[in-house]
Amino acid sequence: MAIPDALITRPRRAIADRLRRLVGSGEVDLARSPGDPGLIASDSPAWRVHGDFAAMMIGGIAALLLQMLHPRALAGVWDHSDFRRDRLGRLKRTAQFIAVTTFGGADAADRAIAKVRSIHDRVHGALPDGTPYDANDPELLTWIHVAEVDSFLRAYLRYRDASLSTVEQDRYFADVAIVAERLGARDVPRSRAEVAAYFARLRPHLRFDHRVREVADALLAPGEDAATAAGLSIAGAAAVDLLPDWAAAMHRRQPNPLLRPAIRTGAGGLSRMVRWSLRLR
């Protein structure tokens, strides 16, 4: 017996509405006026990568885990954010920023970048050893950007389209570099090879300590309700599994090799469910 459409539509709509609230869909203007090229062309691989909700969710969590290994990035979170209670708020703000700068018009993207720069103006201080840090530091901005876009792309390759060519992957890095540069980053890697070389250079400067552990624990904690907890548990495990081996080792969170297939199967199922729900018109 066929299942009535209404019985299918209601749960799909409920899931879609929850996901849109999670990232604040509809709260930002993504319209482009005729002739407005935006910052990133609509034929860019970035539109495919950043348009896949599931890959961005998993990649976004992985990016945060990677970013916090940099002492100056961690200090900004530790000193200037309510990371214990606002993890979903941070994910939402990041998702909105990525959406506007990728899909929105040039003016909207520039306003979003200006807003982030103004926030960065207030984020500065000193590390426990007295070393000063500033969120507008071009080198720190480059680290934040590379950790983010590399994680997004690796999640897309694993959970959406592993056939994305090397040429398209290189174009992805080249196209999204404009956002980092407008934020103030310098010497932004523009290809897979440049990203790999960049990580090799930065690894000696990364650190893990009790503060990293506490921020990571807060990020990966269960959700406030059963549905959110289930989804974030799967996405969090997939994000840890997505980390480069050296980063997972620094976090002391290397997944058991015997569990990796189950983690990826679960995340693949979550990804398909998310796409199914968001295809509803």
C-alpha atoms as a PDB file:
ATOM      1  CA  MET A   1       0.000   0.000   0.000  1.00  0.00           C
ATOM      2  CA  ALA A   2       1.346   3.411  -0.985  1.00  0.00           C
ATOM      3  CA  ILE A   3       2.146   5.858   1.804  1.00  0.00           C
ATOM      4  CA  PRO A   4       0.070   9.046   1.522  1.00  0.00           C
ATOM      5  CA  ASP A   5       2.093  12.070   0.417  1.00  0.00           C
ATOM      6  CA  ALA A   6       1.041  13.980   3.535  1.00  0.00           C
ATOM      7  CA  LEU A   7       2.678  11.395   5.785  1.00  0.00           C
ATOM      8  CA  ILE A   8       5.931  11.853   3.880  1.00  0.00           C
ATOM      9  CA  THR A   9       5.753  15.618   3.534  1.00  0.00           C
ATOM     10  CA  ARG A  10       5.191  16.410   7.213  1.00  0.00           C
ATOM     11  CA  PRO A  11       8.377  14.750   8.551  1.00  0.00           C
ATOM     12  CA  ARG A  12      10.411  16.106   5.643  1.00  0.00           C
ATOM     13  CA  ARG A  13       9.186  19.608   6.340  1.00  0.00           C
ATOM     14  CA  ALA A  14       9.846  19.242  10.070  1.00  0.00           C
ATOM     15  CA  ILE A  15      13.430  18.102   9.448  1.00  0.00           C
ATOM     16  CA  ALA A  16      14.007  20.833   6.867  1.00  0.00           C
ATOM     17  CA  ASP A  17      12.651  23.525   9.181  1.00  0.00           C
ATOM     18  CA  ARG A  18      14.881  22.352  12.026  1.00  0.00           C
ATOM     19  CA  LEU A  19      17.948  22.384   9.773  1.00  0.00           C
ATOM     20  CA  ARG A  20      17.156  25.855   8.438  1.00  0.00           C
ATOM     21  CA  ARG A  21      16.745  27.195  11.965  1.00  0.00           C
ATOM     22  CA  LEU A  22      20.086  25.645  12.885  1.00  0.00           C
ATOM     23  CA  VAL A  23      21.940  27.708  10.267  1.00  0.00           C
ATOM     24  CA  GLY A  24      19.613  30.694  10.081  1.00  0.00           C
ATOM     25  CA  SER A  25      18.425  30.172   6.512  1.00  0.00           C
ATOM     26  CA  GLY A  26      16.232  33.042   5.405  1.00  0.00           C
ATOM     27  CA  GLU A  27      17.930  35.486   7.775  1.00  0.00           C
ATOM     28  CA  VAL A  28      20.440  36.642   5.163  1.00  0.00           C
ATOM     29  CA  ASP A  29      19.899  38.133   1.708  1.00  0.00           C
ATOM     30  CA  LEU A  30      21.384  35.917  -1.021  1.00  0.00           C
ATOM     31  CA  ALA A  31      19.767  37.713  -3.965  1.00  0.00           C
ATOM     32  CA  ARG A  32      21.983  38.947  -6.783  1.00  0.00           C
ATOM     33  CA  SER A  33      20.746  41.732  -8.994  1.00  0.00           C
ATOM     34  CA  PRO A  34      21.174  41.332 -12.776  1.00  0.00           C
ATOM     35  CA  GLY A  35      24.801  41.765 -13.716  1.00  0.00           C
ATOM     36  CA  ASP A  36      26.050  41.351 -10.129  1.00  0.00           C
ATOM     37  CA  PRO A  37      28.819  38.711 -10.223  1.00  0.00           C
ATOM     38  CA  GLY A  38      29.100  38.498  -6.426  1.00  0.00           C
ATOM     39  CA  LEU A  39      32.473  37.524  -5.061  1.00  0.00           C
ATOM     40  CA  ILE A  40      32.366  33.945  -6.357  1.00  0.00           C
ATOM     41  CA  ALA A  41      31.037  33.053  -9.812  1.00  0.00           C
ATOM     42  CA  SER A  42      27.994  30.801  -9.962  1.00  0.00           C
ATOM     43  CA  ASP A  43      29.911  28.208 -12.014  1.00  0.00           C
ATOM     44  CA  SER A  44      32.558  27.856  -9.320  1.00  0.00           C
ATOM     45  CA  PRO A  45      32.958  24.507  -7.536  1.00  0.00           C
ATOM     46  CA  ALA A  46      32.446  26.547  -4.354  1.00  0.00           C
ATOM     47  CA  TRP A  47      28.735  26.716  -5.149  1.00  0.00           C
ATOM     48  CA  ARG A  48      28.560  22.924  -5.108  1.00  0.00           C
ATOM     49  CA  VAL A  49      30.744  22.449  -2.038  1.00  0.00           C
ATOM     50  CA  HIS A  50      29.129  25.208   0.036  1.00  0.00           C
ATOM     51  CA  GLY A  51      25.665  24.261  -1.158  1.00  0.00           C
ATOM     52  CA  ASP A  52      25.766  20.797   0.366  1.00  0.00           C
ATOM     53  CA  PHE A  53      24.367  21.180   3.891  1.00  0.00           C
ATOM     54  CA  ALA A  54      25.553  17.824   5.202  1.00  0.00           C
ATOM     55  CA  ALA A  55      29.134  18.210   4.012  1.00  0.00           C
ATOM     56  CA  MET A  56      29.268  21.757   5.371  1.00  0.00           C
ATOM     57  CA  MET A  57      27.960  20.618   8.759  1.00  0.00           C
ATOM     58  CA  ILE A  58      30.543  17.856   9.113  1.00  0.00           C
ATOM     59  CA  GLY A  59      33.292  19.947   7.563  1.00  0.00           C
ATOM     60  CA  GLY A  60      32.406  22.922   9.751  1.00  0.00           C
ATOM     61  CA  ILE A  61      32.858  20.943  12.963  1.00  0.00           C
ATOM     62  CA  ALA A  62      36.125  19.488  11.662  1.00  0.00           C
ATOM     63  CA  ALA A  63      37.303  23.004  10.781  1.00  0.00           C
ATOM     64  CA  LEU A  64      36.697  24.252  14.319  1.00  0.00           C
ATOM     65  CA  LEU A  65      38.620  21.287  15.763  1.00  0.00           C
ATOM     66  CA  LEU A  66      41.501  22.027  13.417  1.00  0.00           C
ATOM     67  CA  GLN A  67      41.490  25.796  13.976  1.00  0.00           C
ATOM     68  CA  MET A  68      41.682  25.542  17.763  1.00  0.00           C
ATOM     69  CA  LEU A  69      45.053  23.775  17.558  1.00  0.00           C
ATOM     70  CA  HIS A  70      46.603  27.157  16.726  1.00  0.00           C
ATOM     71  CA  PRO A  71      47.360  28.887  20.061  1.00  0.00           C
ATOM     72  CA  ARG A  72      46.288  32.336  18.848  1.00  0.00           C
ATOM     73  CA  ALA A  73      43.057  31.036  17.347  1.00  0.00           C
ATOM     74  CA  LEU A  74      42.310  29.184  20.575  1.00  0.00           C
ATOM     75  CA  ALA A  75      43.017  32.298  22.650  1.00  0.00           C
ATOM     76  CA  GLY A  76      40.440  34.297  20.718  1.00  0.00           C
ATOM     77  CA  VAL A  77      37.796  31.655  21.394  1.00  0.00           C
ATOM     78  CA  TRP A  78      38.810  31.199  25.041  1.00  0.00           C
ATOM     79  CA  ASP A  79      38.969  34.901  25.904  1.00  0.00           C
ATOM     80  CA  HIS A  80      36.229  36.366  23.730  1.00  0.00           C
ATOM     81  CA  SER A  81      33.443  33.808  23.253  1.00  0.00           C
ATOM     82  CA  ASP A  82      30.919  31.882  25.304  1.00  0.00           C
ATOM     83  CA  PHE A  83      32.011  28.615  23.722  1.00  0.00           C
ATOM     84  CA  ARG A  84      30.462  26.471  26.465  1.00  0.00           C
ATOM     85  CA  ARG A  85      26.935  27.684  25.726  1.00  0.00           C
ATOM     86  CA  ASP A  86      27.085  29.142  22.220  1.00  0.00           C
ATOM     87  CA  ARG A  87      28.552  26.434  20.010  1.00  0.00           C
ATOM     88  CA  LEU A  88      25.444  26.307  17.791  1.00  0.00           C
ATOM     89  CA  GLY A  89      25.443  30.087  17.592  1.00  0.00           C
ATOM     90  CA  ARG A  90      28.992  30.039  16.273  1.00  0.00           C
ATOM     91  CA  LEU A  91      28.154  27.376  13.694  1.00  0.00           C
ATOM     92  CA  LYS A  92      25.127  29.427  12.638  1.00  0.00           C
ATOM     93  CA  ARG A  93      27.112  32.645  12.221  1.00  0.00           C
ATOM     94  CA  THR A  94      29.791  30.829  10.234  1.00  0.00           C
ATOM     95  CA  ALA A  95      27.167  29.218   7.981  1.00  0.00           C
ATOM     96  CA  GLN A  96      25.532  32.584   7.314  1.00  0.00           C
ATOM     97  CA  PHE A  97      28.855  34.223   6.510  1.00  0.00           C
ATOM     98  CA  ILE A  98      29.820  31.439   4.095  1.00  0.00           C
ATOM     99  CA  ALA A  99      26.392  31.626   2.429  1.00  0.00           C
ATOM    100  CA  VAL A 100      26.485  35.385   1.893  1.00  0.00           C
ATOM    101  CA  THR A 101      30.062  35.509   0.624  1.00  0.00           C
ATOM    102  CA  THR A 102      29.508  32.538  -1.689  1.00  0.00           C
ATOM    103  CA  PHE A 103      25.991  33.027  -3.044  1.00  0.00           C
ATOM    104  CA  GLY A 104      25.077  36.630  -2.230  1.00  0.00           C
ATOM    105  CA  GLY A 105      25.613  39.825  -4.159  1.00  0.00           C
ATOM    106  CA  ALA A 106      28.868  41.742  -3.967  1.00  0.00           C
ATOM    107  CA  ASP A 107      27.485  44.479  -1.713  1.00  0.00           C
ATOM    108  CA  ALA A 108      25.979  41.980   0.759  1.00  0.00           C
ATOM    109  CA  ALA A 109      29.238  40.027   0.814  1.00  0.00           C
ATOM    110  CA  ASP A 110      31.258  43.176   1.441  1.00  0.00           C
ATOM    111  CA  ARG A 111      28.940  44.161   4.297  1.00  0.00           C
ATOM    112  CA  ALA A 112      29.333  40.730   5.878  1.00  0.00           C
ATOM    113  CA  ILE A 113      33.118  40.971   5.594  1.00  0.00           C
ATOM    114  CA  ALA A 114      33.112  44.469   7.074  1.00  0.00           C
ATOM    115  CA  LYS A 115      31.027  43.227  10.002  1.00  0.00           C
ATOM    116  CA  VAL A 116      33.469  40.399  10.721  1.00  0.00           C
ATOM    117  CA  ARG A 117      36.410  42.800  10.505  1.00  0.00           C
ATOM    118  CA  SER A 118      34.710  45.109  13.003  1.00  0.00           C
ATOM    119  CA  ILE A 119      34.244  42.180  15.397  1.00  0.00           C
ATOM    120  CA  HIS A 120      37.893  41.227  14.950  1.00  0.00           C
ATOM    121  CA  ASP A 121      38.878  44.769  15.969  1.00  0.00           C
ATOM    122  CA  ARG A 122      37.800  43.901  19.510  1.00  0.00           C
ATOM    123  CA  VAL A 123      39.433  40.458  19.675  1.00  0.00           C
ATOM    124  CA  HIS A 124      42.959  40.753  20.991  1.00  0.00           C
ATOM    125  CA  GLY A 125      44.915  39.893  24.096  1.00  0.00           C
ATOM    126  CA  ALA A 126      47.820  37.763  25.251  1.00  0.00           C
ATOM    127  CA  LEU A 127      48.558  34.035  25.408  1.00  0.00           C
ATOM    128  CA  PRO A 128      49.346  32.471  28.804  1.00  0.00           C
ATOM    129  CA  ASP A 129      53.064  33.009  28.069  1.00  0.00           C
ATOM    130  CA  GLY A 130      52.491  36.699  27.350  1.00  0.00           C
ATOM    131  CA  THR A 131      52.665  36.491  23.556  1.00  0.00           C
ATOM    132  CA  PRO A 132      50.184  39.012  22.098  1.00  0.00           C
ATOM    133  CA  TYR A 133      47.495  37.960  19.657  1.00  0.00           C
ATOM    134  CA  ASP A 134      45.106  39.886  17.425  1.00  0.00           C
ATOM    135  CA  ALA A 135      42.230  38.495  15.359  1.00  0.00           C
ATOM    136  CA  ASN A 136      43.218  40.827  12.504  1.00  0.00           C
ATOM    137  CA  ASP A 137      46.658  39.226  12.252  1.00  0.00           C
ATOM    138  CA  PRO A 138      46.996  38.316   8.540  1.00  0.00           C
ATOM    139  CA  GLU A 139      48.805  35.056   9.321  1.00  0.00           C
ATOM    140  CA  LEU A 140      46.099  33.995  11.766  1.00  0.00           C
ATOM    141  CA  LEU A 141      43.377  34.869   9.254  1.00  0.00           C
ATOM    142  CA  THR A 142      45.100  32.672   6.679  1.00  0.00           C
ATOM    143  CA  TRP A 143      45.174  29.760   9.143  1.00  0.00           C
ATOM    144  CA  ILE A 144      41.473  30.118   9.949  1.00  0.00           C
ATOM    145  CA  HIS A 145      40.595  30.233   6.258  1.00  0.00           C
ATOM    146  CA  VAL A 146      42.741  27.283   5.165  1.00  0.00           C
ATOM    147  CA  ALA A 147      41.580  25.050   8.016  1.00  0.00           C
ATOM    148  CA  GLU A 148      37.989  25.915   7.131  1.00  0.00           C
ATOM    149  CA  VAL A 149      37.939  25.488   3.355  1.00  0.00           C
ATOM    150  CA  ASP A 150      40.140  22.386   3.407  1.00  0.00           C
ATOM    151  CA  SER A 151      37.702  20.772   5.850  1.00  0.00           C
ATOM    152  CA  PHE A 152      34.689  21.765   3.732  1.00  0.00           C
ATOM    153  CA  LEU A 153      36.245  20.268   0.611  1.00  0.00           C
ATOM    154  CA  ARG A 154      37.316  17.017   2.280  1.00  0.00           C
ATOM    155  CA  ALA A 155      33.818  16.547   3.695  1.00  0.00           C
ATOM    156  CA  TYR A 156      32.312  17.164   0.256  1.00  0.00           C
ATOM    157  CA  LEU A 157      34.647  14.640  -1.354  1.00  0.00           C
ATOM    158  CA  ARG A 158      33.866  12.013   1.270  1.00  0.00           C
ATOM    159  CA  TYR A 159      30.128  12.473   1.658  1.00  0.00           C
ATOM    160  CA  ARG A 160      28.900  13.978  -1.601  1.00  0.00           C
ATOM    161  CA  ASP A 161      31.112  13.670  -4.681  1.00  0.00           C
ATOM    162  CA  ALA A 162      34.479  11.936  -4.612  1.00  0.00           C
ATOM    163  CA  SER A 163      34.807  12.428  -8.377  1.00  0.00           C
ATOM    164  CA  LEU A 164      35.437  16.176  -8.149  1.00  0.00           C
ATOM    165  CA  SER A 165      38.552  16.541 -10.279  1.00  0.00           C
ATOM    166  CA  THR A 166      41.891  17.871  -9.096  1.00  0.00           C
ATOM    167  CA  VAL A 167      41.442  20.812 -11.457  1.00  0.00           C
ATOM    168  CA  GLU A 168      38.072  21.628  -9.881  1.00  0.00           C
ATOM    169  CA  GLN A 169      39.503  21.238  -6.392  1.00  0.00           C
ATOM    170  CA  ASP A 170      42.313  23.644  -7.251  1.00  0.00           C
ATOM    171  CA  ARG A 171      39.784  26.100  -8.639  1.00  0.00           C
ATOM    172  CA  TYR A 172      37.786  25.818  -5.422  1.00  0.00           C
ATOM    173  CA  PHE A 173      40.773  26.935  -3.346  1.00  0.00           C
ATOM    174  CA  ALA A 174      41.580  29.708  -5.826  1.00  0.00           C
ATOM    175  CA  ASP A 175      38.012  31.026  -5.942  1.00  0.00           C
ATOM    176  CA  VAL A 176      37.421  31.159  -2.185  1.00  0.00           C
ATOM    177  CA  ALA A 177      40.760  32.877  -1.520  1.00  0.00           C
ATOM    178  CA  ILE A 178      39.168  36.247  -2.326  1.00  0.00           C
ATOM    179  CA  VAL A 179      37.074  36.109   0.856  1.00  0.00           C
ATOM    180  CA  ALA A 180      40.118  35.476   3.053  1.00  0.00           C
ATOM    181  CA  GLU A 181      42.056  38.238   1.328  1.00  0.00           C
ATOM    182  CA  ARG A 182      39.255  40.752   1.843  1.00  0.00           C
ATOM    183  CA  LEU A 183      39.241  39.826   5.518  1.00  0.00           C
ATOM    184  CA  GLY A 184      42.951  40.652   5.617  1.00  0.00           C
ATOM    185  CA  ALA A 185      44.688  37.304   5.051  1.00  0.00           C
ATOM    186  CA  ARG A 186      47.920  37.176   3.075  1.00  0.00           C
ATOM    187  CA  ASP A 187      49.706  34.516   1.026  1.00  0.00           C
ATOM    188  CA  VAL A 188      46.536  32.420   0.836  1.00  0.00           C
ATOM    189  CA  PRO A 189      47.073  28.938  -0.673  1.00  0.00           C
ATOM    190  CA  ARG A 190      45.252  28.506  -3.993  1.00  0.00           C
ATOM    191  CA  SER A 191      45.627  24.794  -4.791  1.00  0.00           C
ATOM    192  CA  ARG A 192      45.685  21.418  -3.082  1.00  0.00           C
ATOM    193  CA  ALA A 193      49.466  21.328  -3.341  1.00  0.00           C
ATOM    194  CA  GLU A 194      49.794  24.773  -1.769  1.00  0.00           C
ATOM    195  CA  VAL A 195      47.391  23.795   1.042  1.00  0.00           C
ATOM    196  CA  ALA A 196      49.414  20.638   1.793  1.00  0.00           C
ATOM    197  CA  ALA A 197      52.642  22.652   1.870  1.00  0.00           C
ATOM    198  CA  TYR A 198      50.989  25.246   4.104  1.00  0.00           C
ATOM    199  CA  PHE A 199      49.903  22.646   6.672  1.00  0.00           C
ATOM    200  CA  ALA A 200      53.420  21.172   6.680  1.00  0.00           C
ATOM    201  CA  ARG A 201      54.823  24.625   7.511  1.00  0.00           C
ATOM    202  CA  LEU A 202      52.277  25.355  10.244  1.00  0.00           C
ATOM    203  CA  ARG A 203      52.291  22.025  12.078  1.00  0.00           C
ATOM    204  CA  PRO A 204      55.330  22.859  14.262  1.00  0.00           C
ATOM    205  CA  HIS A 205      53.433  25.915  15.559  1.00  0.00           C
ATOM    206  CA  LEU A 206      50.288  24.028  16.613  1.00  0.00           C
ATOM    207  CA  ARG A 207      49.632  22.940  20.186  1.00  0.00           C
ATOM    208  CA  PHE A 208      47.257  20.819  22.257  1.00  0.00           C
ATOM    209  CA  ASP A 209      46.608  21.543  25.933  1.00  0.00           C
ATOM    210  CA  HIS A 210      43.829  21.428  28.529  1.00  0.00           C
ATOM    211  CA  ARG A 211      42.175  24.502  27.022  1.00  0.00           C
ATOM    212  CA  VAL A 212      41.965  22.880  23.589  1.00  0.00           C
ATOM    213  CA  ARG A 213      40.485  19.775  25.218  1.00  0.00           C
ATOM    214  CA  GLU A 214      37.848  21.834  27.024  1.00  0.00           C
ATOM    215  CA  VAL A 215      36.812  23.771  23.911  1.00  0.00           C
ATOM    216  CA  ALA A 216      36.681  20.560  21.852  1.00  0.00           C
ATOM    217  CA  ASP A 217      34.623  18.818  24.539  1.00  0.00           C
ATOM    218  CA  ALA A 218      32.140  21.701  24.492  1.00  0.00           C
ATOM    219  CA  LEU A 219      31.928  21.595  20.694  1.00  0.00           C
ATOM    220  CA  LEU A 220      31.303  17.842  20.615  1.00  0.00           C
ATOM    221  CA  ALA A 221      28.919  17.693  23.598  1.00  0.00           C
ATOM    222  CA  PRO A 222      25.420  16.211  23.082  1.00  0.00           C
ATOM    223  CA  GLY A 223      22.658  18.507  21.885  1.00  0.00           C
ATOM    224  CA  GLU A 224      19.917  20.053  23.949  1.00  0.00           C
ATOM    225  CA  ASP A 225      17.213  17.700  22.673  1.00  0.00           C
ATOM    226  CA  ALA A 226      17.158  14.115  21.439  1.00  0.00           C
ATOM    227  CA  ALA A 227      16.988  14.913  17.727  1.00  0.00           C
ATOM    228  CA  THR A 228      19.759  17.504  17.876  1.00  0.00           C
ATOM    229  CA  ALA A 229      21.869  15.236  20.078  1.00  0.00           C
ATOM    230  CA  ALA A 230      21.558  12.346  17.631  1.00  0.00           C
ATOM    231  CA  GLY A 231      22.438  14.448  14.605  1.00  0.00           C
ATOM    232  CA  LEU A 232      25.359  16.219  16.269  1.00  0.00           C
ATOM    233  CA  SER A 233      26.693  12.948  17.651  1.00  0.00           C
ATOM    234  CA  ILE A 234      26.890  11.478  14.158  1.00  0.00           C
ATOM    235  CA  ALA A 235      28.251  14.686  12.624  1.00  0.00           C
ATOM    236  CA  GLY A 236      30.784  15.095  15.442  1.00  0.00           C
ATOM    237  CA  ALA A 237      32.127  11.567  15.069  1.00  0.00           C
ATOM    238  CA  ALA A 238      32.359  12.074  11.296  1.00  0.00           C
ATOM    239  CA  ALA A 239      34.169  15.395  11.841  1.00  0.00           C
ATOM    240  CA  VAL A 240      36.790  13.787  14.077  1.00  0.00           C
ATOM    241  CA  ASP A 241      37.184  11.009  11.505  1.00  0.00           C
ATOM    242  CA  LEU A 242      37.616  13.680   8.808  1.00  0.00           C
ATOM    243  CA  LEU A 243      40.568  15.347  10.545  1.00  0.00           C
ATOM    244  CA  PRO A 244      44.023  14.806   9.083  1.00  0.00           C
ATOM    245  CA  ASP A 245      45.688  11.971  10.977  1.00  0.00           C
ATOM    246  CA  TRP A 246      48.188  14.320  12.604  1.00  0.00           C
ATOM    247  CA  ALA A 247      45.401  16.612  13.873  1.00  0.00           C
ATOM    248  CA  ALA A 248      43.352  13.725  15.281  1.00  0.00           C
ATOM    249  CA  ALA A 249      46.498  12.480  17.033  1.00  0.00           C
ATOM    250  CA  MET A 250      47.084  15.911  18.574  1.00  0.00           C
ATOM    251  CA  HIS A 251      43.500  15.907  19.870  1.00  0.00           C
ATOM    252  CA  ARG A 252      43.948  12.362  21.277  1.00  0.00           C
ATOM    253  CA  ARG A 253      40.765  11.461  19.411  1.00  0.00           C
ATOM    254  CA  GLN A 254      41.899   9.014  16.722  1.00  0.00           C
ATOM    255  CA  PRO A 255      38.889   6.842  15.841  1.00  0.00           C
ATOM    256  CA  ASN A 256      39.325   3.109  16.283  1.00  0.00           C
ATOM    257  CA  PRO A 257      40.044   1.766  12.761  1.00  0.00           C
ATOM    258  CA  LEU A 258      37.411  -0.909  13.326  1.00  0.00           C
ATOM    259  CA  LEU A 259      34.796   1.807  13.942  1.00  0.00           C
ATOM    260  CA  ARG A 260      35.605   3.984  10.940  1.00  0.00           C
ATOM    261  CA  PRO A 261      33.277   2.096   8.550  1.00  0.00           C
ATOM    262  CA  ALA A 262      30.381   2.472  10.997  1.00  0.00           C
ATOM    263  CA  ILE A 263      31.122   6.205  11.467  1.00  0.00           C
ATOM    264  CA  ARG A 264      31.177   6.800   7.722  1.00  0.00           C
ATOM    265  CA  THR A 265      28.073   4.694   7.117  1.00  0.00           C
ATOM    266  CA  GLY A 266      26.207   6.645   9.791  1.00  0.00           C
ATOM    267  CA  ALA A 267      27.367   9.998   8.419  1.00  0.00           C
ATOM    268  CA  GLY A 268      26.493   8.919   4.898  1.00  0.00           C
ATOM    269  CA  GLY A 269      22.976   8.045   6.042  1.00  0.00           C
ATOM    270  CA  LEU A 270      22.665  11.388   7.849  1.00  0.00           C
ATOM    271  CA  SER A 271      23.841  13.188   4.713  1.00  0.00           C
ATOM    272  CA  ARG A 272      21.277  11.452   2.529  1.00  0.00           C
ATOM    273  CA  MET A 273      18.506  12.222   5.027  1.00  0.00           C
ATOM    274  CA  VAL A 274      19.475  15.890   5.106  1.00  0.00           C
ATOM    275  CA  ARG A 275      19.482  16.140   1.314  1.00  0.00           C
ATOM    276  CA  TRP A 276      16.154  14.299   1.117  1.00  0.00           C
ATOM    277  CA  SER A 277      14.518  16.720   3.535  1.00  0.00           C
ATOM    278  CA  LEU A 278      15.906  19.865   1.892  1.00  0.00           C
ATOM    279  CA  ARG A 279      14.745  18.843  -1.580  1.00  0.00           C
ATOM    280  CA  LEU A 280      11.210  19.554  -0.408  1.00  0.00           C
ATOM    281  CA  ARG A 281       9.741  22.606  -2.100  1.00  0.00           C
END
